[in-house]
Amino acid sequence: MRFPSAWGSNPKQKLTAAQQSVNSSVPSAWLTAGTRVEAAGTRLITDMSADVVGQGLCPVTKQPMVKMYANGHPCMVSMDAMVCLPIKD
């Protein structure tokens, strides 16, 4: 099987130990340890308590969720927060 050339490794290029264990197509910025990236000015708090999710509210936005089917399985969905929670039949 042939892979795209971007996935291949250049034999002339010396790789670090971290790069050897990860596909060479991963940007080196992703490999820096200890770096935490947060969205500017946002902090999501997920409340999975029975008072919130048990009442059919989104755990992030606290807005009512919509009942839908995902791959034939019933679930509650919040499109604003991109949350999908499976429920019993």
Protein backbone atom coordinates (compact mmCIF):
# COMPACT_ATOMS: atom_id res chain seq x y z
CA MET A 1 0.00 0.00 0.00
CA ARG A 2 1.31 3.45 -0.88
CA PHE A 3 0.87 6.43 1.40
CA PRO A 4 0.79 10.10 0.38
CA SER A 5 4.25 11.63 0.08
CA ALA A 6 3.47 14.07 2.92
CA TRP A 7 3.23 11.08 5.27
CA GLY A 8 6.60 9.69 4.30
CA SER A 9 9.83 10.40 6.11
CA ASN A 10 12.92 11.90 4.59
CA PRO A 11 15.89 9.57 5.31
CA LYS A 12 18.25 12.57 5.33
CA GLN A 13 16.25 14.30 8.06
CA LYS A 14 17.17 13.45 11.66
CA LEU A 15 14.12 13.06 13.85
CA THR A 16 13.84 13.64 17.57
CA ALA A 17 12.56 10.85 19.81
CA ALA A 18 9.13 12.49 19.99
CA GLN A 19 8.91 12.79 16.22
CA GLN A 20 9.95 9.17 15.71
CA SER A 21 7.02 7.94 17.76
CA VAL A 22 4.49 10.19 16.02
CA ASN A 23 3.62 10.42 12.35
CA SER A 24 5.87 12.94 10.61
CA SER A 25 2.84 14.86 9.32
CA VAL A 26 2.10 16.18 12.83
CA PRO A 27 3.26 19.79 13.25
CA SER A 28 6.12 20.19 15.69
CA ALA A 29 4.10 22.76 17.68
CA TRP A 30 1.74 19.95 18.68
CA LEU A 31 4.62 18.01 20.20
CA THR A 32 5.68 20.65 22.72
CA ALA A 33 4.95 19.35 26.19
CA GLY A 34 3.45 21.50 28.90
CA THR A 35 1.83 24.00 26.55
CA ARG A 36 -1.81 24.77 27.28
CA VAL A 37 -3.89 26.61 24.73
CA GLU A 38 -7.20 28.21 25.69
CA ALA A 39 -9.68 30.13 23.64
CA ALA A 40 -9.47 33.84 24.32
CA GLY A 41 -11.77 34.82 27.16
CA THR A 42 -13.81 31.62 27.24
CA ARG A 43 -14.06 28.94 29.86
CA LEU A 44 -16.53 26.12 29.46
CA ILE A 45 -18.07 24.64 32.58
CA THR A 46 -19.80 21.32 32.07
CA ASP A 47 -22.49 20.56 34.63
CA MET A 48 -23.56 16.90 34.36
CA SER A 49 -25.75 16.99 37.48
CA ALA A 50 -29.24 15.51 37.62
CA ASP A 51 -30.64 19.04 38.01
CA VAL A 52 -29.30 20.04 34.60
CA VAL A 53 -28.93 17.02 32.34
CA GLY A 54 -31.69 15.11 34.12
CA GLN A 55 -34.11 17.88 33.14
CA GLY A 56 -33.06 17.79 29.47
CA LEU A 57 -30.85 20.89 29.59
CA CYS A 58 -27.47 21.25 27.90
CA PRO A 59 -24.60 20.76 30.38
CA VAL A 60 -22.70 23.69 28.83
CA THR A 61 -25.30 26.32 27.87
CA LYS A 62 -28.16 25.24 30.21
CA GLN A 63 -30.58 25.56 27.25
CA PRO A 64 -33.16 22.84 26.40
CA MET A 65 -31.73 20.02 24.30
CA VAL A 66 -33.48 18.44 21.31
CA LYS A 67 -34.26 14.72 21.07
CA MET A 68 -32.73 13.19 17.91
CA TYR A 69 -31.35 9.93 16.59
CA ALA A 70 -27.65 9.44 15.87
CA ASN A 71 -26.96 6.31 13.82
CA GLY A 72 -30.28 4.90 14.98
CA HIS A 73 -29.62 5.55 18.69
CA PRO A 74 -31.77 8.02 20.65
CA CYS A 75 -29.87 10.98 22.07
CA MET A 76 -30.27 14.54 23.33
CA VAL A 77 -28.48 17.16 21.21
CA SER A 78 -27.47 20.78 21.75
CA MET A 79 -26.36 22.26 18.43
CA ASP A 80 -25.10 25.50 20.01
CA ALA A 81 -22.58 23.71 22.25
CA MET A 82 -22.08 20.71 19.91
CA VAL A 83 -23.07 18.28 22.66
CA CYS A 84 -24.67 14.89 22.00
CA LEU A 85 -25.68 12.69 24.95
CA PRO A 86 -27.05 9.18 24.42
CA ILE A 87 -30.29 8.30 26.24
CA LYS A 88 -32.22 5.12 26.89
CA ASP A 89 -34.85 4.00 24.40
